[in-house]
Amino acid sequence: MTAKHDTEQESQEPDEAELQEAEIVEEPPAPELSPEEQLQQERDEYLDNWRRTQADIQNLRRRQGEVLETAVRSARRELFSELLLVLDYLDMALLSPVETQEGKNLRMGVQMTRDQMLQFLSQHEIEAIHSEGAFDPEQHEAVETVPTADAEPGTIVSTLRTGYRAGKDVLRYAQVKVAAAPEA
């Protein structure tokens, strides 16, 4: 029984000669190309490489354009945010009481400066966020809730600081007081 078993094992395992023959696989020789065919093949390789390079250049330009656009948008956002702060100071100056002629002249100069600033912002498509009606968390920042029976809950009662947007992007949220249900 052992002899039979040994012969079965030997028949299942390939011998070394068969393994060496199996490992050596000869590739068929490449067909000889005529000089004209070699030139066409070389031309096709160069053309493929050129097309890939052109596609890479277009992708690079597109990516660089996106990076540049993002950087410009970020810098623009910072600049306009600073200008909005100056506009806030001009608004505060206009709220000051004025009694003398010199004060009235100064107030008129501040008003003209504020108007110029608003015109500049308008030219760059910066617009104020209207703070009337219902509270919108995408445009408004609720600074305080005021219990009142005069307005529906969730309605804007007053604006503390005007918000601004550039296109669809909010530069600064409008800070508002929002009505709440009166306490019982």
N, C-alpha and C. Protein backbone atom coordinates (compact mmCIF):
# COMPACT_ATOMS: atom_id res chain seq x y z
N MET A 1 0.81 -1.18 0.00
CA MET A 1 0.00 0.00 0.00
C MET A 1 0.86 1.26 0.00
N THR A 2 1.97 1.21 0.69
CA THR A 2 2.84 2.37 0.71
C THR A 2 3.49 2.60 -0.63
N ALA A 3 3.84 1.53 -1.33
CA ALA A 3 4.47 1.68 -2.64
C ALA A 3 3.50 2.32 -3.61
N LYS A 4 2.25 1.88 -3.54
CA LYS A 4 1.25 2.45 -4.43
C LYS A 4 1.04 3.93 -4.10
N HIS A 5 1.00 4.24 -2.80
CA HIS A 5 0.80 5.61 -2.35
C HIS A 5 1.96 6.49 -2.81
N ASP A 6 3.21 5.98 -2.72
CA ASP A 6 4.38 6.75 -3.14
C ASP A 6 4.34 7.03 -4.63
N THR A 7 3.91 6.08 -5.42
CA THR A 7 3.87 6.29 -6.87
C THR A 7 2.82 7.31 -7.24
N GLU A 8 1.72 7.35 -6.47
CA GLU A 8 0.70 8.35 -6.76
C GLU A 8 1.23 9.75 -6.47
N GLN A 9 2.02 9.91 -5.38
CA GLN A 9 2.59 11.21 -5.05
C GLN A 9 3.58 11.64 -6.11
N GLU A 10 4.37 10.72 -6.57
CA GLU A 10 5.37 11.05 -7.57
C GLU A 10 4.70 11.46 -8.87
N SER A 11 3.60 10.81 -9.22
CA SER A 11 2.95 11.14 -10.47
C SER A 11 2.28 12.52 -10.41
N GLN A 12 1.91 12.99 -9.19
CA GLN A 12 1.27 14.29 -9.06
C GLN A 12 2.29 15.42 -9.10
N GLU A 13 3.50 15.19 -8.64
CA GLU A 13 4.52 16.23 -8.61
C GLU A 13 5.33 16.20 -9.89
N PRO A 14 5.44 17.35 -10.57
CA PRO A 14 6.25 17.37 -11.79
C PRO A 14 7.73 17.28 -11.44
N ASP A 15 8.47 16.65 -12.28
CA ASP A 15 9.89 16.55 -11.99
C ASP A 15 10.60 17.82 -12.44
N GLU A 16 11.86 17.95 -12.04
CA GLU A 16 12.62 19.18 -12.27
C GLU A 16 12.80 19.50 -13.74
N ALA A 17 12.94 18.53 -14.55
CA ALA A 17 13.13 18.75 -15.98
C ALA A 17 11.90 19.45 -16.57
N GLU A 18 10.72 19.00 -16.15
CA GLU A 18 9.51 19.63 -16.66
C GLU A 18 9.40 21.08 -16.18
N LEU A 19 9.78 21.35 -14.91
CA LEU A 19 9.72 22.71 -14.39
C LEU A 19 10.66 23.64 -15.14
N GLN A 20 11.86 23.18 -15.44
CA GLN A 20 12.81 24.03 -16.15
C GLN A 20 12.30 24.33 -17.55
N GLU A 21 11.68 23.37 -18.18
CA GLU A 21 11.15 23.61 -19.51
C GLU A 21 9.97 24.58 -19.46
N ALA A 22 9.14 24.49 -18.41
CA ALA A 22 7.97 25.35 -18.29
C ALA A 22 8.38 26.79 -18.03
N GLU A 23 9.47 27.01 -17.31
CA GLU A 23 9.90 28.36 -16.98
C GLU A 23 10.47 29.09 -18.18
N ILE A 24 11.07 28.39 -19.06
CA ILE A 24 11.68 29.02 -20.22
C ILE A 24 10.62 29.13 -21.32
N VAL A 25 10.17 30.35 -21.51
CA VAL A 25 9.18 30.60 -22.54
C VAL A 25 9.81 31.56 -23.52
N GLU A 26 9.87 31.16 -24.69
CA GLU A 26 10.47 32.02 -25.71
C GLU A 26 9.40 32.90 -26.32
N GLU A 27 9.72 34.19 -26.39
CA GLU A 27 8.81 35.11 -27.03
C GLU A 27 9.08 35.06 -28.53
N PRO A 28 8.04 35.20 -29.26
CA PRO A 28 8.27 35.20 -30.69
C PRO A 28 9.06 36.44 -31.09
N PRO A 29 9.93 36.32 -32.01
CA PRO A 29 10.72 37.49 -32.41
C PRO A 29 9.82 38.57 -32.99
N ALA A 30 10.18 39.83 -32.67
CA ALA A 30 9.41 40.94 -33.20
C ALA A 30 9.58 40.97 -34.71
N PRO A 31 8.49 41.21 -35.38
CA PRO A 31 8.61 41.23 -36.83
C PRO A 31 9.48 42.41 -37.27
N GLU A 32 10.26 42.18 -38.23
CA GLU A 32 11.11 43.22 -38.79
C GLU A 32 10.23 44.27 -39.46
N LEU A 33 10.46 45.54 -39.09
CA LEU A 33 9.69 46.62 -39.68
C LEU A 33 10.53 47.31 -40.74
N SER A 34 9.85 47.71 -41.74
CA SER A 34 10.56 48.45 -42.79
C SER A 34 10.88 49.84 -42.25
N PRO A 35 11.82 50.54 -42.82
CA PRO A 35 12.17 51.88 -42.34
C PRO A 35 10.96 52.81 -42.33
N GLU A 36 10.10 52.66 -43.31
CA GLU A 36 8.91 53.50 -43.37
C GLU A 36 7.96 53.19 -42.21
N GLU A 37 7.79 51.90 -41.90
CA GLU A 37 6.93 51.49 -40.79
C GLU A 37 7.53 51.93 -39.46
N GLN A 38 8.84 51.88 -39.33
CA GLN A 38 9.51 52.33 -38.10
C GLN A 38 9.27 53.83 -37.90
N LEU A 39 9.37 54.59 -38.98
CA LEU A 39 9.14 56.03 -38.89
C LEU A 39 7.69 56.34 -38.51
N GLN A 40 6.75 55.58 -39.08
CA GLN A 40 5.35 55.79 -38.74
C GLN A 40 5.08 55.44 -37.27
N GLN A 41 5.69 54.36 -36.79
CA GLN A 41 5.52 53.95 -35.40
C GLN A 41 6.11 55.02 -34.47
N GLU A 42 7.27 55.53 -34.82
CA GLU A 42 7.91 56.57 -34.04
C GLU A 42 7.07 57.85 -34.05
N ARG A 43 6.55 58.17 -35.22
CA ARG A 43 5.67 59.35 -35.35
C ARG A 43 4.45 59.20 -34.45
N ASP A 44 3.84 58.02 -34.44
CA ASP A 44 2.65 57.78 -33.62
C ASP A 44 2.97 57.92 -32.14
N GLU A 45 4.14 57.44 -31.72
CA GLU A 45 4.55 57.56 -30.32
C GLU A 45 4.73 59.03 -29.95
N TYR A 46 5.39 59.80 -30.82
CA TYR A 46 5.59 61.22 -30.57
C TYR A 46 4.25 61.96 -30.52
N LEU A 47 3.34 61.60 -31.42
CA LEU A 47 2.03 62.23 -31.45
C LEU A 47 1.25 61.93 -30.17
N ASP A 48 1.29 60.68 -29.71
CA ASP A 48 0.62 60.32 -28.46
C ASP A 48 1.22 61.09 -27.28
N ASN A 49 2.53 61.16 -27.23
CA ASN A 49 3.20 61.91 -26.15
C ASN A 49 2.83 63.38 -26.20
N TRP A 50 2.77 63.94 -27.40
CA TRP A 50 2.41 65.35 -27.56
C TRP A 50 0.97 65.58 -27.07
N ARG A 51 0.06 64.69 -27.43
CA ARG A 51 -1.34 64.83 -27.00
C ARG A 51 -1.46 64.73 -25.47
N ARG A 52 -0.73 63.80 -24.89
CA ARG A 52 -0.76 63.67 -23.42
C ARG A 52 -0.21 64.94 -22.77
N THR A 53 0.86 65.48 -23.34
CA THR A 53 1.45 66.71 -22.80
C THR A 53 0.48 67.88 -22.93
N GLN A 54 -0.20 67.97 -24.05
CA GLN A 54 -1.20 69.03 -24.23
C GLN A 54 -2.32 68.90 -23.20
N ALA A 55 -2.79 67.70 -22.96
CA ALA A 55 -3.84 67.48 -21.96
C ALA A 55 -3.33 67.84 -20.57
N ASP A 56 -2.08 67.49 -20.27
CA ASP A 56 -1.50 67.85 -18.97
C ASP A 56 -1.42 69.36 -18.80
N ILE A 57 -1.03 70.05 -19.87
CA ILE A 57 -0.93 71.51 -19.83
C ILE A 57 -2.31 72.14 -19.60
N GLN A 58 -3.32 71.63 -20.30
CA GLN A 58 -4.67 72.15 -20.10
C GLN A 58 -5.15 71.92 -18.67
N ASN A 59 -4.88 70.74 -18.13
CA ASN A 59 -5.27 70.45 -16.75
C ASN A 59 -4.54 71.36 -15.78
N LEU A 60 -3.26 71.59 -16.02
CA LEU A 60 -2.48 72.47 -15.17
C LEU A 60 -3.02 73.89 -15.22
N ARG A 61 -3.33 74.39 -16.41
CA ARG A 61 -3.89 75.73 -16.54
C ARG A 61 -5.22 75.84 -15.80
N ARG A 62 -6.07 74.82 -15.93
CA ARG A 62 -7.36 74.83 -15.26
C ARG A 62 -7.18 74.86 -13.75
N ARG A 63 -6.29 74.00 -13.25
CA ARG A 63 -6.04 73.95 -11.79
C ARG A 63 -5.45 75.27 -11.30
N GLN A 64 -4.50 75.83 -12.05
CA GLN A 64 -3.89 77.09 -11.64
C GLN A 64 -4.93 78.22 -11.67
N GLY A 65 -5.82 78.18 -12.65
CA GLY A 65 -6.90 79.17 -12.71
C GLY A 65 -7.80 79.08 -11.50
N GLU A 66 -8.12 77.87 -11.08
CA GLU A 66 -8.96 77.68 -9.90
C GLU A 66 -8.25 78.16 -8.64
N VAL A 67 -6.96 77.87 -8.54
CA VAL A 67 -6.19 78.31 -7.37
C VAL A 67 -6.12 79.84 -7.34
N LEU A 68 -5.87 80.44 -8.50
CA LEU A 68 -5.80 81.90 -8.58
C LEU A 68 -7.15 82.53 -8.24
N GLU A 69 -8.22 81.96 -8.77
CA GLU A 69 -9.55 82.49 -8.48
C GLU A 69 -9.87 82.41 -6.99
N THR A 70 -9.50 81.33 -6.35
CA THR A 70 -9.73 81.17 -4.92
C THR A 70 -8.92 82.20 -4.13
N ALA A 71 -7.67 82.42 -4.53
CA ALA A 71 -6.82 83.39 -3.84
C ALA A 71 -7.36 84.81 -4.01
N VAL A 72 -7.82 85.14 -5.21
CA VAL A 72 -8.37 86.48 -5.45
C VAL A 72 -9.64 86.67 -4.65
N ARG A 73 -10.50 85.65 -4.63
CA ARG A 73 -11.75 85.74 -3.87
C ARG A 73 -11.46 85.93 -2.37
N SER A 74 -10.45 85.22 -1.87
CA SER A 74 -10.09 85.34 -0.46
C SER A 74 -9.55 86.74 -0.15
N ALA A 75 -8.66 87.24 -0.99
CA ALA A 75 -8.08 88.57 -0.78
C ALA A 75 -9.16 89.65 -0.89
N ARG A 76 -10.04 89.47 -1.84
CA ARG A 76 -11.14 90.42 -2.04
C ARG A 76 -12.05 90.44 -0.81
N ARG A 77 -12.33 89.24 -0.30
CA ARG A 77 -13.19 89.13 0.89
C ARG A 77 -12.56 89.88 2.08
N GLU A 78 -11.26 89.70 2.28
CA GLU A 78 -10.57 90.39 3.38
C GLU A 78 -10.61 91.91 3.20
N LEU A 79 -10.35 92.37 1.98
CA LEU A 79 -10.36 93.80 1.71
C LEU A 79 -11.73 94.40 1.99
N PHE A 80 -12.76 93.78 1.46
CA PHE A 80 -14.11 94.32 1.64
C PHE A 80 -14.56 94.22 3.09
N SER A 81 -14.12 93.22 3.80
CA SER A 81 -14.45 93.13 5.23
C SER A 81 -13.86 94.32 6.00
N GLU A 82 -12.64 94.69 5.65
CA GLU A 82 -12.02 95.86 6.28
C GLU A 82 -12.75 97.14 5.90
N LEU A 83 -13.17 97.25 4.65
CA LEU A 83 -13.89 98.45 4.21
C LEU A 83 -15.25 98.54 4.90
N LEU A 84 -15.87 97.41 5.17
CA LEU A 84 -17.15 97.42 5.87
C LEU A 84 -16.99 97.94 7.29
N LEU A 85 -15.86 97.66 7.89
CA LEU A 85 -15.58 98.18 9.23
C LEU A 85 -15.46 99.72 9.18
N VAL A 86 -14.81 100.24 8.15
CA VAL A 86 -14.70 101.69 7.98
C VAL A 86 -16.10 102.28 7.78
N LEU A 87 -16.93 101.60 7.00
CA LEU A 87 -18.30 102.06 6.78
C LEU A 87 -19.07 102.11 8.09
N ASP A 88 -18.86 101.14 8.96
CA ASP A 88 -19.50 101.14 10.29
C ASP A 88 -19.07 102.37 11.09
N TYR A 89 -17.80 102.72 11.03
CA TYR A 89 -17.32 103.90 11.76
C TYR A 89 -17.94 105.18 11.19
N LEU A 90 -18.09 105.25 9.89
CA LEU A 90 -18.74 106.41 9.28
C LEU A 90 -20.19 106.51 9.74
N ASP A 91 -20.88 105.37 9.80
CA ASP A 91 -22.27 105.36 10.28
C ASP A 91 -22.36 105.83 11.73
N MET A 92 -21.42 105.38 12.55
CA MET A 92 -21.41 105.82 13.96
C MET A 92 -21.16 107.32 14.06
N ALA A 93 -20.28 107.83 13.22
CA ALA A 93 -19.99 109.27 13.23
C ALA A 93 -21.23 110.07 12.85
N LEU A 94 -22.02 109.55 11.94
CA LEU A 94 -23.23 110.25 11.52
C LEU A 94 -24.31 110.24 12.60
N LEU A 95 -24.25 109.31 13.53
CA LEU A 95 -25.23 109.25 14.61
C LEU A 95 -24.95 110.25 15.72
N SER A 96 -23.77 110.85 15.70
CA SER A 96 -23.40 111.82 16.73
C SER A 96 -24.23 113.10 16.56
N PRO A 97 -24.70 113.68 17.68
CA PRO A 97 -25.47 114.94 17.57
C PRO A 97 -24.53 116.10 17.17
N VAL A 98 -25.04 116.95 16.32
CA VAL A 98 -24.26 118.09 15.83
C VAL A 98 -25.06 119.36 16.06
N GLU A 99 -24.41 120.39 16.62
CA GLU A 99 -25.12 121.65 16.90
C GLU A 99 -24.47 122.85 16.21
N THR A 100 -23.17 122.82 16.01
CA THR A 100 -22.49 123.98 15.43
C THR A 100 -22.43 123.84 13.91
N GLN A 101 -22.17 124.98 13.28
CA GLN A 101 -22.06 124.99 11.81
C GLN A 101 -20.84 124.17 11.38
N GLU A 102 -19.78 124.28 12.15
CA GLU A 102 -18.57 123.50 11.83
C GLU A 102 -18.87 122.00 11.92
N GLY A 103 -19.62 121.60 12.93
CA GLY A 103 -20.01 120.21 13.09
C GLY A 103 -20.91 119.73 11.96
N LYS A 104 -21.81 120.63 11.50
CA LYS A 104 -22.70 120.29 10.38
C LYS A 104 -21.89 120.10 9.10
N ASN A 105 -20.88 120.96 8.90
CA ASN A 105 -20.02 120.82 7.72
C ASN A 105 -19.23 119.51 7.77
N LEU A 106 -18.75 119.18 8.95
CA LEU A 106 -18.01 117.93 9.13
C LEU A 106 -18.92 116.74 8.87
N ARG A 107 -20.15 116.83 9.39
CA ARG A 107 -21.13 115.76 9.18
C ARG A 107 -21.41 115.58 7.68
N MET A 108 -21.53 116.70 6.95
CA MET A 108 -21.79 116.62 5.52
C MET A 108 -20.61 115.93 4.82
N GLY A 109 -19.37 116.22 5.23
CA GLY A 109 -18.20 115.56 4.65
C GLY A 109 -18.19 114.07 4.95
N VAL A 110 -18.57 113.70 6.17
CA VAL A 110 -18.64 112.28 6.54
C VAL A 110 -19.73 111.59 5.71
N GLN A 111 -20.87 112.26 5.52
CA GLN A 111 -21.96 111.69 4.73
C GLN A 111 -21.52 111.49 3.28
N MET A 112 -20.79 112.45 2.72
CA MET A 112 -20.32 112.32 1.34
C MET A 112 -19.32 111.16 1.23
N THR A 113 -18.46 111.03 2.24
CA THR A 113 -17.49 109.93 2.25
C THR A 113 -18.21 108.60 2.32
N ARG A 114 -19.24 108.52 3.17
CA ARG A 114 -20.04 107.29 3.30
C ARG A 114 -20.73 106.96 1.97
N ASP A 115 -21.29 107.98 1.32
CA ASP A 115 -21.96 107.76 0.04
C ASP A 115 -20.98 107.25 -1.02
N GLN A 116 -19.78 107.81 -1.04
CA GLN A 116 -18.74 107.35 -1.98
C GLN A 116 -18.37 105.89 -1.70
N MET A 117 -18.26 105.56 -0.41
CA MET A 117 -17.93 104.19 -0.03
C MET A 117 -19.02 103.22 -0.49
N LEU A 118 -20.28 103.60 -0.29
CA LEU A 118 -21.39 102.75 -0.74
C LEU A 118 -21.41 102.61 -2.26
N GLN A 119 -21.09 103.69 -2.96
CA GLN A 119 -21.04 103.63 -4.42
C GLN A 119 -19.91 102.70 -4.88
N PHE A 120 -18.77 102.78 -4.22
CA PHE A 120 -17.64 101.91 -4.54
C PHE A 120 -18.02 100.44 -4.32
N LEU A 121 -18.65 100.16 -3.17
CA LEU A 121 -19.07 98.79 -2.89
C LEU A 121 -20.10 98.31 -3.91
N SER A 122 -21.00 99.17 -4.30
CA SER A 122 -22.01 98.82 -5.29
C SER A 122 -21.38 98.50 -6.65
N GLN A 123 -20.35 99.25 -7.02
CA GLN A 123 -19.65 98.99 -8.29
C GLN A 123 -18.99 97.61 -8.29
N HIS A 124 -18.63 97.14 -7.10
CA HIS A 124 -18.00 95.83 -6.98
C HIS A 124 -19.00 94.75 -6.55
N GLU A 125 -20.29 95.07 -6.78
CA GLU A 125 -21.38 94.13 -6.56
C GLU A 125 -21.48 93.65 -5.11
N ILE A 126 -21.18 94.57 -4.19
CA ILE A 126 -21.36 94.32 -2.77
C ILE A 126 -22.68 94.98 -2.39
N GLU A 127 -23.59 94.21 -1.83
CA GLU A 127 -24.89 94.77 -1.48
C GLU A 127 -25.24 94.45 -0.03
N ALA A 128 -26.06 95.32 0.53
CA ALA A 128 -26.49 95.14 1.92
C ALA A 128 -27.51 94.01 1.99
N ILE A 129 -27.47 93.28 3.09
CA ILE A 129 -28.46 92.23 3.34
C ILE A 129 -29.64 92.89 4.06
N HIS A 130 -30.80 92.76 3.49
CA HIS A 130 -31.99 93.37 4.09
C HIS A 130 -32.40 92.58 5.32
N SER A 131 -32.67 93.29 6.36
CA SER A 131 -33.00 92.65 7.64
C SER A 131 -34.42 92.99 8.03
N GLU A 132 -35.34 92.55 7.22
CA GLU A 132 -36.76 92.77 7.50
C GLU A 132 -37.46 91.43 7.36
N GLY A 133 -38.51 91.26 8.13
CA GLY A 133 -39.29 90.04 8.01
C GLY A 133 -38.74 88.90 8.86
N ALA A 134 -38.77 87.71 8.29
CA ALA A 134 -38.38 86.51 9.04
C ALA A 134 -36.86 86.38 9.13
N PHE A 135 -36.42 85.81 10.22
CA PHE A 135 -35.00 85.54 10.46
C PHE A 135 -34.53 84.43 9.52
N ASP A 136 -33.39 84.66 8.84
CA ASP A 136 -32.81 83.68 7.94
C ASP A 136 -31.38 83.40 8.41
N PRO A 137 -31.10 82.20 8.93
CA PRO A 137 -29.76 81.92 9.47
C PRO A 137 -28.66 81.95 8.42
N GLU A 138 -29.02 81.93 7.14
CA GLU A 138 -28.00 82.00 6.09
C GLU A 138 -27.58 83.44 5.81
N GLN A 139 -28.33 84.41 6.36
CA GLN A 139 -28.01 85.81 6.13
C GLN A 139 -27.88 86.62 7.42
N HIS A 140 -28.51 86.11 8.48
CA HIS A 140 -28.58 86.88 9.73
C HIS A 140 -27.91 86.14 10.87
N GLU A 141 -27.44 86.92 11.81
CA GLU A 141 -26.89 86.39 13.06
C GLU A 141 -27.75 86.95 14.20
N ALA A 142 -28.43 86.05 14.91
CA ALA A 142 -29.29 86.49 16.01
C ALA A 142 -28.41 86.80 17.22
N VAL A 143 -28.37 88.07 17.59
CA VAL A 143 -27.56 88.50 18.71
C VAL A 143 -28.36 88.44 19.99
N GLU A 144 -29.67 88.65 19.86
CA GLU A 144 -30.53 88.70 21.04
C GLU A 144 -31.95 88.30 20.64
N THR A 145 -32.67 87.66 21.55
CA THR A 145 -34.09 87.40 21.35
C THR A 145 -34.86 88.30 22.31
N VAL A 146 -35.91 88.88 21.80
CA VAL A 146 -36.69 89.84 22.58
C VAL A 146 -38.11 89.29 22.72
N PRO A 147 -38.55 88.97 23.96
CA PRO A 147 -39.93 88.52 24.14
C PRO A 147 -40.89 89.68 23.89
N THR A 148 -41.79 89.51 22.94
CA THR A 148 -42.73 90.58 22.59
C THR A 148 -44.00 89.98 22.02
N ALA A 149 -45.10 90.69 22.25
CA ALA A 149 -46.38 90.28 21.68
C ALA A 149 -46.66 91.08 20.41
N ASP A 150 -45.82 92.07 20.12
CA ASP A 150 -46.02 92.93 18.96
C ASP A 150 -45.60 92.28 17.65
N ALA A 151 -44.77 91.25 17.71
CA ALA A 151 -44.29 90.60 16.47
C ALA A 151 -44.34 89.09 16.64
N GLU A 152 -44.46 88.40 15.53
CA GLU A 152 -44.46 86.94 15.55
C GLU A 152 -43.09 86.42 15.96
N PRO A 153 -43.03 85.31 16.69
CA PRO A 153 -41.72 84.73 17.02
C PRO A 153 -40.95 84.37 15.74
N GLY A 154 -39.65 84.67 15.75
CA GLY A 154 -38.80 84.41 14.58
C GLY A 154 -38.72 85.57 13.62
N THR A 155 -39.40 86.67 13.95
CA THR A 155 -39.37 87.86 13.10
C THR A 155 -38.27 88.80 13.61
N ILE A 156 -37.62 89.48 12.68
CA ILE A 156 -36.56 90.42 13.05
C ILE A 156 -37.20 91.68 13.61
N VAL A 157 -36.78 92.06 14.83
CA VAL A 157 -37.31 93.24 15.51
C VAL A 157 -36.48 94.46 15.15
N SER A 158 -35.15 94.34 15.19
CA SER A 158 -34.27 95.46 14.84
C SER A 158 -32.92 94.94 14.36
N THR A 159 -32.22 95.79 13.63
CA THR A 159 -30.90 95.46 13.11
C THR A 159 -29.86 96.22 13.89
N LEU A 160 -28.89 95.49 14.42
CA LEU A 160 -27.82 96.13 15.18
C LEU A 160 -26.64 96.48 14.28
N ARG A 161 -26.40 95.64 13.29
CA ARG A 161 -25.27 95.86 12.38
C ARG A 161 -25.66 95.31 11.01
N THR A 162 -25.54 96.11 9.99
CA THR A 162 -25.93 95.72 8.64
C THR A 162 -24.98 94.65 8.10
N GLY A 163 -25.55 93.67 7.44
CA GLY A 163 -24.76 92.63 6.81
C GLY A 163 -24.58 92.92 5.33
N TYR A 164 -23.57 92.30 4.72
CA TYR A 164 -23.30 92.53 3.30
C TYR A 164 -22.94 91.21 2.63
N ARG A 165 -23.22 91.16 1.34
CA ARG A 165 -22.87 89.98 0.56
C ARG A 165 -22.26 90.42 -0.77
N ALA A 166 -21.40 89.53 -1.28
CA ALA A 166 -20.80 89.73 -2.60
C ALA A 166 -21.30 88.58 -3.46
N GLY A 167 -22.28 88.86 -4.31
CA GLY A 167 -22.89 87.78 -5.09
C GLY A 167 -23.66 86.87 -4.15
N LYS A 168 -23.31 85.60 -4.15
CA LYS A 168 -23.96 84.64 -3.25
C LYS A 168 -23.21 84.48 -1.94
N ASP A 169 -21.98 84.97 -1.88
CA ASP A 169 -21.16 84.83 -0.68
C ASP A 169 -21.49 85.92 0.33
N VAL A 170 -21.70 85.52 1.57
CA VAL A 170 -21.95 86.49 2.64
C VAL A 170 -20.59 86.97 3.17
N LEU A 171 -20.39 88.30 3.08
CA LEU A 171 -19.16 88.89 3.61
C LEU A 171 -19.27 89.07 5.12
N ARG A 172 -20.46 89.51 5.53
CA ARG A 172 -20.71 89.72 6.95
C ARG A 172 -22.20 89.52 7.19
N TYR A 173 -22.51 88.69 8.17
CA TYR A 173 -23.91 88.44 8.51
C TYR A 173 -24.50 89.66 9.20
N ALA A 174 -25.78 89.92 8.93
CA ALA A 174 -26.47 91.02 9.60
C ALA A 174 -26.75 90.59 11.04
N GLN A 175 -26.38 91.44 11.99
CA GLN A 175 -26.64 91.16 13.40
C GLN A 175 -27.99 91.76 13.76
N VAL A 176 -28.89 90.89 14.22
CA VAL A 176 -30.27 91.33 14.45
C VAL A 176 -30.79 90.86 15.80
N LYS A 177 -31.85 91.52 16.23
CA LYS A 177 -32.63 91.08 17.39
C LYS A 177 -33.86 90.39 16.83
N VAL A 178 -34.20 89.25 17.41
CA VAL A 178 -35.29 88.44 16.90
C VAL A 178 -36.39 88.35 17.96
N ALA A 179 -37.64 88.43 17.49
CA ALA A 179 -38.78 88.36 18.40
C ALA A 179 -38.95 86.93 18.91
N ALA A 180 -39.31 86.83 20.17
CA ALA A 180 -39.61 85.54 20.79
C ALA A 180 -41.00 85.64 21.42
N ALA A 181 -41.59 84.51 21.70
CA ALA A 181 -42.92 84.50 22.33
C ALA A 181 -42.81 85.14 23.72
N PRO A 182 -43.79 85.95 24.10
CA PRO A 182 -43.72 86.58 25.42
C PRO A 182 -43.85 85.53 26.52
N GLU A 183 -43.16 85.79 27.59
CA GLU A 183 -43.19 84.86 28.72
C GLU A 183 -44.53 85.02 29.44
N ALA A 184 -45.07 83.91 29.89
CA ALA A 184 -46.39 83.94 30.56
C ALA A 184 -46.25 84.38 31.99
